[in-house]
Amino acid sequence: MKKLVLLSLVLLLSACATTAPRTNIDYDPSVDFAQIKTYSWLDHDLAGQGVSPLVVSRIIGAVDSQLQSKGWTKVPQGQTGQVVVGVGVSVHQQQSVNTYYNAPMYAGYGWGGPYMRPYAYGGMGSATTTVRTYDVGTLIVDMFQTSTKQAIWRGTAEKTVSDSPQKNSEAVQIGIENMFRYFPPATDAGTPPAK
């Protein structure tokens, strides 16, 4: 039985370790994304925020791959596309608090003693509380329409930062893939009203 419980715990922890980043998207439904064909990148200095240049290169490469697979074309450097894409990364700390009980908590009543009167017995288990602090990374991809200079799309991906660069790179890749899974968003902009 103990082996079964231990195996279940290991499988549960493995599943938690490989979970995909939590992603969200938001967009302006009045924009006709079907009319957008070109994009360019905003100048950004993620290295100045402490992000590895290797990670920045992977983020840009993954976004380029997703946009180009949707039929968008990146314009040559020095030119501006119909949409300008920007990326940001932030890291913040979170805490989890867990309490573990190492003995059962029980109480009861019985009869005993020289006068056969009721008495209470039992005991309280002891509890151990642990606080774990960990880093959570958030990747943000923003799009701005060049003609209006207004934000038209935002995607975010959030996940616990690992000590392993390999796992962090995988999380970035999966997060970006999930952000763009249903891109471009379906909107009613530019379609004639139903008769």
N, C-alpha and C. Protein backbone atom coordinates (compact mmCIF):
# COMPACT_ATOMS: atom_id res chain seq x y z
N MET A 1 0.83 -1.19 0.00
CA MET A 1 0.00 0.00 0.00
C MET A 1 0.87 1.26 0.00
N LYS A 2 1.96 1.23 0.81
CA LYS A 2 2.84 2.39 0.86
C LYS A 2 3.47 2.66 -0.49
N LYS A 3 3.83 1.58 -1.23
CA LYS A 3 4.44 1.75 -2.54
C LYS A 3 3.45 2.39 -3.51
N LEU A 4 2.18 2.01 -3.41
CA LEU A 4 1.15 2.57 -4.28
C LEU A 4 0.96 4.05 -4.00
N VAL A 5 0.94 4.43 -2.72
CA VAL A 5 0.79 5.84 -2.35
C VAL A 5 1.99 6.64 -2.84
N LEU A 6 3.20 6.09 -2.66
CA LEU A 6 4.42 6.77 -3.10
C LEU A 6 4.43 6.94 -4.61
N LEU A 7 4.03 5.90 -5.34
CA LEU A 7 3.98 5.97 -6.80
C LEU A 7 2.98 7.03 -7.25
N SER A 8 1.82 7.08 -6.60
CA SER A 8 0.81 8.08 -6.95
C SER A 8 1.33 9.49 -6.71
N LEU A 9 2.05 9.67 -5.61
CA LEU A 9 2.62 10.98 -5.30
C LEU A 9 3.66 11.39 -6.33
N VAL A 10 4.51 10.45 -6.74
CA VAL A 10 5.53 10.74 -7.75
C VAL A 10 4.88 11.11 -9.08
N LEU A 11 3.83 10.38 -9.48
CA LEU A 11 3.13 10.69 -10.73
C LEU A 11 2.46 12.05 -10.66
N LEU A 12 1.87 12.37 -9.52
CA LEU A 12 1.22 13.67 -9.34
C LEU A 12 2.24 14.80 -9.45
N LEU A 13 3.38 14.64 -8.79
CA LEU A 13 4.41 15.68 -8.85
C LEU A 13 4.98 15.80 -10.26
N SER A 14 5.12 14.70 -10.96
CA SER A 14 5.60 14.74 -12.34
C SER A 14 4.63 15.49 -13.23
N ALA A 15 3.34 15.24 -13.02
CA ALA A 15 2.32 15.93 -13.81
C ALA A 15 2.36 17.43 -13.54
N CYS A 16 2.55 17.81 -12.27
CA CYS A 16 2.62 19.23 -11.92
C CYS A 16 3.84 19.88 -12.56
N ALA A 17 4.94 19.15 -12.62
CA ALA A 17 6.18 19.71 -13.14
C ALA A 17 6.09 19.95 -14.64
N THR A 18 5.23 19.20 -15.35
CA THR A 18 5.17 19.33 -16.80
C THR A 18 3.93 20.08 -17.26
N THR A 19 3.21 20.71 -16.36
CA THR A 19 2.02 21.44 -16.77
C THR A 19 2.41 22.61 -17.66
N ALA A 20 1.53 22.90 -18.58
CA ALA A 20 1.78 24.01 -19.50
C ALA A 20 1.58 25.33 -18.77
N PRO A 21 2.22 26.38 -19.28
CA PRO A 21 2.00 27.69 -18.69
C PRO A 21 0.52 28.09 -18.83
N ARG A 22 0.07 28.89 -17.89
CA ARG A 22 -1.30 29.42 -17.97
C ARG A 22 -1.28 30.59 -18.94
N THR A 23 -2.09 30.52 -19.99
CA THR A 23 -2.09 31.57 -21.00
C THR A 23 -3.44 32.28 -21.06
N ASN A 24 -3.39 33.54 -21.44
CA ASN A 24 -4.59 34.35 -21.65
C ASN A 24 -4.35 35.25 -22.85
N ILE A 25 -5.43 35.56 -23.55
CA ILE A 25 -5.33 36.53 -24.63
C ILE A 25 -6.47 37.54 -24.50
N ASP A 26 -6.23 38.72 -25.03
CA ASP A 26 -7.24 39.76 -25.10
C ASP A 26 -7.00 40.50 -26.42
N TYR A 27 -8.08 40.98 -27.04
CA TYR A 27 -7.92 41.66 -28.31
C TYR A 27 -9.07 42.63 -28.54
N ASP A 28 -8.86 43.52 -29.49
CA ASP A 28 -9.88 44.50 -29.87
C ASP A 28 -10.77 43.87 -30.93
N PRO A 29 -12.04 43.58 -30.60
CA PRO A 29 -12.91 42.90 -31.57
C PRO A 29 -13.29 43.77 -32.77
N SER A 30 -13.00 45.06 -32.72
CA SER A 30 -13.34 45.92 -33.86
C SER A 30 -12.28 45.87 -34.96
N VAL A 31 -11.14 45.22 -34.68
CA VAL A 31 -10.05 45.15 -35.66
C VAL A 31 -10.25 43.93 -36.55
N ASP A 32 -10.13 44.13 -37.85
CA ASP A 32 -10.24 43.04 -38.81
C ASP A 32 -8.85 42.44 -39.03
N PHE A 33 -8.55 41.41 -38.25
CA PHE A 33 -7.22 40.79 -38.31
C PHE A 33 -6.96 40.12 -39.66
N ALA A 34 -8.02 39.80 -40.40
CA ALA A 34 -7.85 39.16 -41.70
C ALA A 34 -7.19 40.11 -42.70
N GLN A 35 -7.25 41.40 -42.45
CA GLN A 35 -6.66 42.38 -43.35
C GLN A 35 -5.19 42.66 -43.04
N ILE A 36 -4.69 42.11 -41.95
CA ILE A 36 -3.31 42.36 -41.54
C ILE A 36 -2.41 41.28 -42.12
N LYS A 37 -1.35 41.71 -42.80
CA LYS A 37 -0.44 40.76 -43.44
C LYS A 37 1.02 40.96 -43.06
N THR A 38 1.37 42.14 -42.51
CA THR A 38 2.78 42.41 -42.21
C THR A 38 2.95 42.89 -40.77
N TYR A 39 4.14 42.62 -40.23
CA TYR A 39 4.45 43.07 -38.88
C TYR A 39 5.93 43.40 -38.76
N SER A 40 6.24 44.17 -37.75
CA SER A 40 7.63 44.47 -37.41
C SER A 40 7.74 44.45 -35.89
N TRP A 41 8.97 44.48 -35.41
CA TRP A 41 9.21 44.39 -33.96
C TRP A 41 9.52 45.77 -33.38
N LEU A 42 9.00 46.03 -32.20
CA LEU A 42 9.41 47.19 -31.42
C LEU A 42 10.83 46.97 -30.92
N ASP A 43 11.56 48.04 -30.74
CA ASP A 43 12.86 47.90 -30.08
C ASP A 43 12.60 47.57 -28.61
N HIS A 44 13.30 46.59 -28.09
CA HIS A 44 13.12 46.21 -26.69
C HIS A 44 14.47 45.85 -26.09
N ASP A 45 14.57 46.06 -24.80
CA ASP A 45 15.83 45.78 -24.11
C ASP A 45 15.56 44.84 -22.94
N LEU A 46 15.24 43.58 -23.27
CA LEU A 46 14.98 42.61 -22.21
C LEU A 46 16.26 42.24 -21.48
N ALA A 47 17.38 42.33 -22.17
CA ALA A 47 18.65 42.02 -21.51
C ALA A 47 18.87 43.00 -20.36
N GLY A 48 18.41 44.24 -20.53
CA GLY A 48 18.52 45.23 -19.46
C GLY A 48 17.67 44.89 -18.26
N GLN A 49 16.67 44.01 -18.46
CA GLN A 49 15.81 43.56 -17.36
C GLN A 49 16.34 42.26 -16.75
N GLY A 50 17.51 41.84 -17.19
CA GLY A 50 18.10 40.64 -16.62
C GLY A 50 17.72 39.36 -17.35
N VAL A 51 17.08 39.49 -18.53
CA VAL A 51 16.69 38.31 -19.31
C VAL A 51 17.85 37.93 -20.21
N SER A 52 18.18 36.66 -20.22
CA SER A 52 19.29 36.16 -21.04
C SER A 52 19.04 36.45 -22.52
N PRO A 53 20.08 36.89 -23.24
CA PRO A 53 19.93 37.10 -24.69
C PRO A 53 19.48 35.83 -25.42
N LEU A 54 19.87 34.68 -24.90
CA LEU A 54 19.43 33.42 -25.51
C LEU A 54 17.92 33.25 -25.38
N VAL A 55 17.38 33.61 -24.22
CA VAL A 55 15.94 33.51 -24.00
C VAL A 55 15.21 34.51 -24.90
N VAL A 56 15.74 35.73 -25.01
CA VAL A 56 15.13 36.74 -25.88
C VAL A 56 15.08 36.23 -27.31
N SER A 57 16.17 35.65 -27.78
CA SER A 57 16.22 35.12 -29.14
C SER A 57 15.19 34.01 -29.34
N ARG A 58 15.01 33.16 -28.33
CA ARG A 58 14.03 32.07 -28.44
C ARG A 58 12.60 32.62 -28.47
N ILE A 59 12.34 33.64 -27.64
CA ILE A 59 11.00 34.24 -27.62
C ILE A 59 10.67 34.84 -28.98
N ILE A 60 11.59 35.65 -29.51
CA ILE A 60 11.35 36.29 -30.80
C ILE A 60 11.20 35.24 -31.91
N GLY A 61 12.06 34.23 -31.88
CA GLY A 61 11.97 33.16 -32.88
C GLY A 61 10.64 32.42 -32.82
N ALA A 62 10.16 32.15 -31.60
CA ALA A 62 8.89 31.43 -31.45
C ALA A 62 7.71 32.28 -31.92
N VAL A 63 7.73 33.57 -31.60
CA VAL A 63 6.64 34.46 -32.06
C VAL A 63 6.69 34.60 -33.58
N ASP A 64 7.90 34.80 -34.14
CA ASP A 64 8.04 34.87 -35.60
C ASP A 64 7.46 33.62 -36.26
N SER A 65 7.80 32.48 -35.72
CA SER A 65 7.33 31.21 -36.29
C SER A 65 5.81 31.13 -36.28
N GLN A 66 5.20 31.54 -35.16
CA GLN A 66 3.74 31.48 -35.06
C GLN A 66 3.08 32.45 -36.03
N LEU A 67 3.56 33.69 -36.08
CA LEU A 67 2.94 34.69 -36.97
C LEU A 67 3.11 34.31 -38.43
N GLN A 68 4.28 33.81 -38.79
CA GLN A 68 4.52 33.45 -40.18
C GLN A 68 3.71 32.22 -40.58
N SER A 69 3.45 31.32 -39.61
CA SER A 69 2.61 30.16 -39.92
C SER A 69 1.15 30.58 -40.14
N LYS A 70 0.78 31.78 -39.67
CA LYS A 70 -0.58 32.30 -39.87
C LYS A 70 -0.67 33.18 -41.11
N GLY A 71 0.44 33.27 -41.87
CA GLY A 71 0.41 34.02 -43.11
C GLY A 71 0.91 35.45 -43.01
N TRP A 72 1.43 35.84 -41.84
CA TRP A 72 1.97 37.20 -41.70
C TRP A 72 3.42 37.21 -42.15
N THR A 73 3.88 38.36 -42.62
CA THR A 73 5.26 38.51 -43.09
C THR A 73 5.96 39.57 -42.26
N LYS A 74 7.17 39.25 -41.78
CA LYS A 74 7.97 40.24 -41.07
C LYS A 74 8.66 41.12 -42.10
N VAL A 75 8.48 42.44 -41.96
CA VAL A 75 9.10 43.37 -42.91
C VAL A 75 10.58 43.51 -42.59
N PRO A 76 11.39 43.91 -43.57
CA PRO A 76 12.82 44.08 -43.32
C PRO A 76 13.09 45.12 -42.24
N GLN A 77 14.20 44.97 -41.56
CA GLN A 77 14.59 45.90 -40.51
C GLN A 77 14.65 47.32 -41.06
N GLY A 78 14.14 48.26 -40.29
CA GLY A 78 14.09 49.66 -40.73
C GLY A 78 12.76 50.04 -41.32
N GLN A 79 11.92 49.05 -41.64
CA GLN A 79 10.57 49.31 -42.14
C GLN A 79 9.56 48.98 -41.05
N THR A 80 8.35 49.49 -41.21
CA THR A 80 7.30 49.25 -40.22
C THR A 80 6.15 48.50 -40.87
N GLY A 81 5.72 47.42 -40.23
CA GLY A 81 4.60 46.65 -40.74
C GLY A 81 3.26 47.26 -40.33
N GLN A 82 2.19 46.60 -40.75
CA GLN A 82 0.85 47.05 -40.35
C GLN A 82 0.65 46.95 -38.85
N VAL A 83 1.37 46.01 -38.24
CA VAL A 83 1.32 45.80 -36.80
C VAL A 83 2.74 45.81 -36.26
N VAL A 84 2.91 46.42 -35.09
CA VAL A 84 4.20 46.40 -34.41
C VAL A 84 4.05 45.49 -33.19
N VAL A 85 5.00 44.58 -33.03
CA VAL A 85 4.94 43.59 -31.96
C VAL A 85 5.97 43.93 -30.89
N GLY A 86 5.57 43.87 -29.65
CA GLY A 86 6.47 44.09 -28.53
C GLY A 86 6.38 42.93 -27.56
N VAL A 87 7.45 42.70 -26.82
CA VAL A 87 7.47 41.60 -25.86
C VAL A 87 8.06 42.09 -24.54
N GLY A 88 7.54 41.56 -23.46
CA GLY A 88 8.04 41.90 -22.13
C GLY A 88 8.06 40.67 -21.24
N VAL A 89 8.92 40.69 -20.24
CA VAL A 89 9.03 39.58 -19.29
C VAL A 89 9.08 40.17 -17.89
N SER A 90 8.34 39.57 -16.98
CA SER A 90 8.43 39.99 -15.58
C SER A 90 8.49 38.75 -14.70
N VAL A 91 9.14 38.90 -13.56
CA VAL A 91 9.24 37.81 -12.59
C VAL A 91 8.83 38.35 -11.23
N HIS A 92 7.93 37.64 -10.55
CA HIS A 92 7.54 38.03 -9.20
C HIS A 92 7.52 36.80 -8.31
N GLN A 93 7.63 37.03 -7.02
CA GLN A 93 7.65 35.92 -6.07
C GLN A 93 6.25 35.63 -5.54
N GLN A 94 6.00 34.35 -5.34
CA GLN A 94 4.76 33.90 -4.70
C GLN A 94 5.14 32.95 -3.57
N GLN A 95 4.20 32.74 -2.68
CA GLN A 95 4.41 31.81 -1.57
C GLN A 95 3.27 30.81 -1.51
N SER A 96 3.62 29.60 -1.12
CA SER A 96 2.60 28.60 -0.82
C SER A 96 2.80 28.15 0.62
N VAL A 97 1.69 27.98 1.33
CA VAL A 97 1.73 27.56 2.72
C VAL A 97 1.04 26.21 2.82
N ASN A 98 1.75 25.22 3.37
CA ASN A 98 1.19 23.88 3.54
C ASN A 98 1.34 23.44 4.98
N THR A 99 0.29 22.83 5.51
CA THR A 99 0.32 22.29 6.86
C THR A 99 0.15 20.78 6.80
N TYR A 100 1.04 20.07 7.47
CA TYR A 100 1.02 18.62 7.49
C TYR A 100 0.79 18.16 8.93
N TYR A 101 -0.08 17.18 9.10
CA TYR A 101 -0.35 16.60 10.42
C TYR A 101 0.34 15.25 10.49
N ASN A 102 1.14 15.05 11.54
CA ASN A 102 1.91 13.80 11.61
C ASN A 102 1.34 12.81 12.61
N ALA A 103 0.21 13.08 13.20
CA ALA A 103 -0.44 12.11 14.08
C ALA A 103 -1.94 12.36 14.00
N PRO A 104 -2.75 11.33 14.16
CA PRO A 104 -4.19 11.54 14.06
C PRO A 104 -4.71 12.39 15.22
N MET A 105 -5.71 13.16 14.91
CA MET A 105 -6.35 13.96 15.95
C MET A 105 -7.61 13.20 16.35
N TYR A 106 -7.72 12.83 17.61
CA TYR A 106 -8.90 12.09 18.05
C TYR A 106 -9.16 12.39 19.52
N ALA A 107 -10.34 12.12 19.93
CA ALA A 107 -10.73 12.26 21.34
C ALA A 107 -11.92 11.35 21.59
N GLY A 108 -12.13 10.99 22.83
CA GLY A 108 -13.26 10.12 23.13
C GLY A 108 -13.56 10.11 24.61
N TYR A 109 -14.52 9.33 24.99
CA TYR A 109 -14.91 9.21 26.39
C TYR A 109 -14.96 7.74 26.77
N GLY A 110 -14.79 7.45 28.06
CA GLY A 110 -14.87 6.08 28.54
C GLY A 110 -15.24 6.06 30.02
N TRP A 111 -15.29 4.86 30.59
CA TRP A 111 -15.60 4.69 32.01
C TRP A 111 -14.39 4.13 32.70
N GLY A 112 -14.08 4.64 33.86
CA GLY A 112 -12.92 4.11 34.56
C GLY A 112 -12.74 4.78 35.90
N GLY A 113 -11.63 4.46 36.52
CA GLY A 113 -11.34 5.05 37.82
C GLY A 113 -12.04 4.28 38.94
N PRO A 114 -11.69 4.60 40.17
CA PRO A 114 -12.24 3.84 41.29
C PRO A 114 -13.74 4.07 41.46
N TYR A 115 -14.28 5.15 41.00
CA TYR A 115 -15.72 5.41 41.21
C TYR A 115 -16.52 5.22 39.92
N MET A 116 -15.91 4.65 38.89
CA MET A 116 -16.56 4.36 37.62
C MET A 116 -17.24 5.61 37.02
N ARG A 117 -16.53 6.69 37.03
CA ARG A 117 -17.10 7.89 36.42
C ARG A 117 -16.47 8.08 35.02
N PRO A 118 -17.14 8.85 34.19
CA PRO A 118 -16.61 9.04 32.83
C PRO A 118 -15.32 9.83 32.84
N TYR A 119 -14.47 9.56 31.89
CA TYR A 119 -13.24 10.33 31.73
C TYR A 119 -12.99 10.52 30.23
N ALA A 120 -12.19 11.51 29.94
CA ALA A 120 -11.84 11.80 28.54
C ALA A 120 -10.45 11.27 28.26
N TYR A 121 -10.25 10.82 27.06
CA TYR A 121 -8.92 10.38 26.64
C TYR A 121 -8.69 10.85 25.21
N GLY A 122 -7.52 10.73 24.78
CA GLY A 122 -7.21 11.09 23.39
C GLY A 122 -6.02 12.01 23.34
N GLY A 123 -5.80 12.53 22.19
CA GLY A 123 -4.66 13.43 22.03
C GLY A 123 -4.76 14.18 20.73
N MET A 124 -4.04 15.23 20.68
CA MET A 124 -4.00 16.04 19.47
C MET A 124 -2.72 15.70 18.72
N GLY A 125 -2.83 15.63 17.40
CA GLY A 125 -1.63 15.43 16.60
C GLY A 125 -0.86 16.74 16.49
N SER A 126 0.38 16.63 16.13
CA SER A 126 1.15 17.85 15.95
C SER A 126 1.11 18.24 14.47
N ALA A 127 1.25 19.51 14.22
CA ALA A 127 1.19 20.03 12.85
C ALA A 127 2.49 20.74 12.51
N THR A 128 2.90 20.58 11.27
CA THR A 128 4.08 21.27 10.78
C THR A 128 3.65 22.11 9.57
N THR A 129 3.96 23.38 9.61
CA THR A 129 3.61 24.28 8.51
C THR A 129 4.88 24.71 7.80
N THR A 130 4.86 24.58 6.47
CA THR A 130 6.01 25.00 5.68
C THR A 130 5.58 26.11 4.72
N VAL A 131 6.46 27.05 4.51
CA VAL A 131 6.22 28.14 3.57
C VAL A 131 7.27 28.04 2.49
N ARG A 132 6.82 27.97 1.26
CA ARG A 132 7.74 27.86 0.12
C ARG A 132 7.62 29.12 -0.73
N THR A 133 8.73 29.77 -1.00
CA THR A 133 8.76 30.95 -1.86
C THR A 133 9.34 30.55 -3.21
N TYR A 134 8.68 30.96 -4.27
CA TYR A 134 9.14 30.58 -5.61
C TYR A 134 8.88 31.73 -6.58
N ASP A 135 9.60 31.72 -7.69
CA ASP A 135 9.48 32.76 -8.70
C ASP A 135 8.49 32.33 -9.77
N VAL A 136 7.64 33.27 -10.17
CA VAL A 136 6.70 33.04 -11.27
C VAL A 136 7.04 34.02 -12.38
N GLY A 137 7.26 33.50 -13.56
CA GLY A 137 7.59 34.33 -14.70
C GLY A 137 6.38 34.57 -15.58
N THR A 138 6.25 35.79 -16.09
CA THR A 138 5.16 36.13 -17.01
C THR A 138 5.75 36.67 -18.30
N LEU A 139 5.35 36.09 -19.40
CA LEU A 139 5.75 36.54 -20.73
C LEU A 139 4.56 37.29 -21.34
N ILE A 140 4.80 38.49 -21.86
CA ILE A 140 3.73 39.31 -22.45
C ILE A 140 4.10 39.61 -23.89
N VAL A 141 3.16 39.37 -24.81
CA VAL A 141 3.33 39.74 -26.21
C VAL A 141 2.21 40.73 -26.55
N ASP A 142 2.58 41.93 -26.99
CA ASP A 142 1.62 42.97 -27.35
C ASP A 142 1.71 43.29 -28.82
N MET A 143 0.56 43.65 -29.41
CA MET A 143 0.53 44.10 -30.80
C MET A 143 -0.17 45.45 -30.86
N PHE A 144 0.42 46.35 -31.66
CA PHE A 144 -0.13 47.69 -31.85
C PHE A 144 -0.35 47.92 -33.34
N GLN A 145 -1.50 48.46 -33.68
CA GLN A 145 -1.78 48.77 -35.07
C GLN A 145 -1.02 50.05 -35.44
N THR A 146 -0.23 49.99 -36.48
CA THR A 146 0.62 51.12 -36.85
C THR A 146 -0.20 52.35 -37.22
N SER A 147 -1.30 52.14 -37.94
CA SER A 147 -2.08 53.28 -38.42
C SER A 147 -2.75 54.07 -37.29
N THR A 148 -3.15 53.38 -36.24
CA THR A 148 -3.85 54.05 -35.13
C THR A 148 -2.99 54.19 -33.89
N LYS A 149 -1.87 53.46 -33.85
CA LYS A 149 -0.98 53.42 -32.68
C LYS A 149 -1.73 52.92 -31.42
N GLN A 150 -2.73 52.10 -31.63
CA GLN A 150 -3.53 51.54 -30.53
C GLN A 150 -3.21 50.06 -30.35
N ALA A 151 -3.29 49.61 -29.11
CA ALA A 151 -3.11 48.18 -28.82
C ALA A 151 -4.29 47.41 -29.40
N ILE A 152 -3.98 46.29 -30.06
CA ILE A 152 -5.07 45.50 -30.65
C ILE A 152 -5.08 44.05 -30.16
N TRP A 153 -3.97 43.59 -29.55
CA TRP A 153 -3.91 42.18 -29.11
C TRP A 153 -2.87 42.05 -28.01
N ARG A 154 -3.18 41.22 -27.03
CA ARG A 154 -2.20 40.91 -25.98
C ARG A 154 -2.33 39.43 -25.62
N GLY A 155 -1.19 38.78 -25.53
CA GLY A 155 -1.14 37.41 -25.04
C GLY A 155 -0.19 37.34 -23.86
N THR A 156 -0.56 36.55 -22.85
CA THR A 156 0.31 36.37 -21.69
C THR A 156 0.45 34.88 -21.39
N ALA A 157 1.60 34.51 -20.88
CA ALA A 157 1.86 33.14 -20.43
C ALA A 157 2.57 33.23 -19.09
N GLU A 158 2.10 32.44 -18.12
CA GLU A 158 2.65 32.51 -16.76
C GLU A 158 2.96 31.12 -16.26
N LYS A 159 4.13 30.98 -15.66
CA LYS A 159 4.54 29.67 -15.12
C LYS A 159 5.64 29.86 -14.08
N THR A 160 5.73 28.90 -13.18
CA THR A 160 6.81 28.90 -12.19
C THR A 160 8.15 28.78 -12.90
N VAL A 161 9.10 29.60 -12.50
CA VAL A 161 10.44 29.58 -13.10
C VAL A 161 11.21 28.39 -12.53
N SER A 162 11.82 27.64 -13.42
CA SER A 162 12.61 26.47 -13.02
C SER A 162 14.08 26.85 -12.88
N ASP A 163 14.83 26.00 -12.18
CA ASP A 163 16.29 26.17 -12.12
C ASP A 163 16.94 25.68 -13.42
N SER A 164 16.16 24.97 -14.23
CA SER A 164 16.69 24.39 -15.46
C SER A 164 16.39 25.31 -16.65
N PRO A 165 17.41 25.83 -17.33
CA PRO A 165 17.18 26.64 -18.53
C PRO A 165 16.40 25.88 -19.60
N GLN A 166 16.66 24.57 -19.69
CA GLN A 166 15.95 23.74 -20.67
C GLN A 166 14.45 23.75 -20.42
N LYS A 167 14.04 23.58 -19.15
CA LYS A 167 12.61 23.58 -18.82
C LYS A 167 11.99 24.95 -19.05
N ASN A 168 12.74 26.01 -18.75
CA ASN A 168 12.22 27.35 -18.99
C ASN A 168 12.03 27.61 -20.48
N SER A 169 12.97 27.13 -21.30
CA SER A 169 12.84 27.29 -22.75
C SER A 169 11.63 26.53 -23.27
N GLU A 170 11.42 25.33 -22.76
CA GLU A 170 10.24 24.55 -23.16
C GLU A 170 8.96 25.26 -22.76
N ALA A 171 8.95 25.86 -21.57
CA ALA A 171 7.76 26.58 -21.10
C ALA A 171 7.47 27.78 -21.98
N VAL A 172 8.53 28.50 -22.40
CA VAL A 172 8.35 29.64 -23.30
C VAL A 172 7.74 29.17 -24.62
N GLN A 173 8.28 28.10 -25.17
CA GLN A 173 7.80 27.58 -26.45
C GLN A 173 6.33 27.17 -26.36
N ILE A 174 5.99 26.41 -25.33
CA ILE A 174 4.61 25.94 -25.16
C ILE A 174 3.67 27.11 -24.90
N GLY A 175 4.12 28.06 -24.08
CA GLY A 175 3.29 29.22 -23.78
C GLY A 175 2.95 30.02 -25.03
N ILE A 176 3.95 30.24 -25.89
CA ILE A 176 3.73 31.00 -27.13
C ILE A 176 2.84 30.21 -28.09
N GLU A 177 3.05 28.91 -28.18
CA GLU A 177 2.18 28.08 -29.03
C GLU A 177 0.73 28.18 -28.58
N ASN A 178 0.51 28.12 -27.27
CA ASN A 178 -0.86 28.21 -26.75
C ASN A 178 -1.46 29.59 -26.95
N MET A 179 -0.66 30.65 -26.83
CA MET A 179 -1.15 32.01 -27.07
C MET A 179 -1.71 32.15 -28.48
N PHE A 180 -1.01 31.55 -29.44
CA PHE A 180 -1.36 31.74 -30.85
C PHE A 180 -2.20 30.60 -31.42
N ARG A 181 -2.68 29.73 -30.56
CA ARG A 181 -3.44 28.56 -31.04
C ARG A 181 -4.64 28.98 -31.88
N TYR A 182 -5.35 30.02 -31.45
CA TYR A 182 -6.55 30.46 -32.17
C TYR A 182 -6.35 31.84 -32.78
N PHE A 183 -5.14 32.11 -33.22
CA PHE A 183 -4.81 33.38 -33.82
C PHE A 183 -4.87 33.24 -35.34
N PRO A 184 -5.33 34.23 -36.07
CA PRO A 184 -5.88 35.49 -35.59
C PRO A 184 -7.29 35.30 -35.03
N PRO A 185 -7.67 36.16 -34.09
CA PRO A 185 -9.00 36.00 -33.50
C PRO A 185 -10.08 36.26 -34.53
N ALA A 186 -11.17 35.52 -34.40
CA ALA A 186 -12.31 35.73 -35.29
C ALA A 186 -13.07 36.96 -34.83
N THR A 187 -13.22 37.93 -35.73
CA THR A 187 -13.97 39.14 -35.40
C THR A 187 -14.98 39.40 -36.49
N ASP A 188 -15.94 40.26 -36.20
CA ASP A 188 -16.97 40.63 -37.18
C ASP A 188 -16.60 41.89 -37.93
N ALA A 189 -15.40 42.44 -37.63
CA ALA A 189 -15.01 43.68 -38.29
C ALA A 189 -14.87 43.47 -39.78
N GLY A 190 -15.41 44.39 -40.56
CA GLY A 190 -15.24 44.35 -42.01
C GLY A 190 -16.21 43.43 -42.73
N THR A 191 -17.05 42.68 -42.01
CA THR A 191 -18.00 41.80 -42.67
C THR A 191 -19.33 42.53 -42.82
N PRO A 192 -20.01 42.35 -43.95
CA PRO A 192 -21.27 43.04 -44.15
C PRO A 192 -22.34 42.51 -43.21
N PRO A 193 -23.27 43.33 -42.78
CA PRO A 193 -24.33 42.87 -41.89
C PRO A 193 -25.22 41.85 -42.57
N ALA A 194 -25.73 40.93 -41.79
CA ALA A 194 -26.63 39.89 -42.34
C ALA A 194 -27.93 40.53 -42.78
N LYS A 195 -28.47 40.04 -43.91
CA LYS A 195 -29.73 40.61 -44.44
C LYS A 195 -30.91 39.85 -43.90
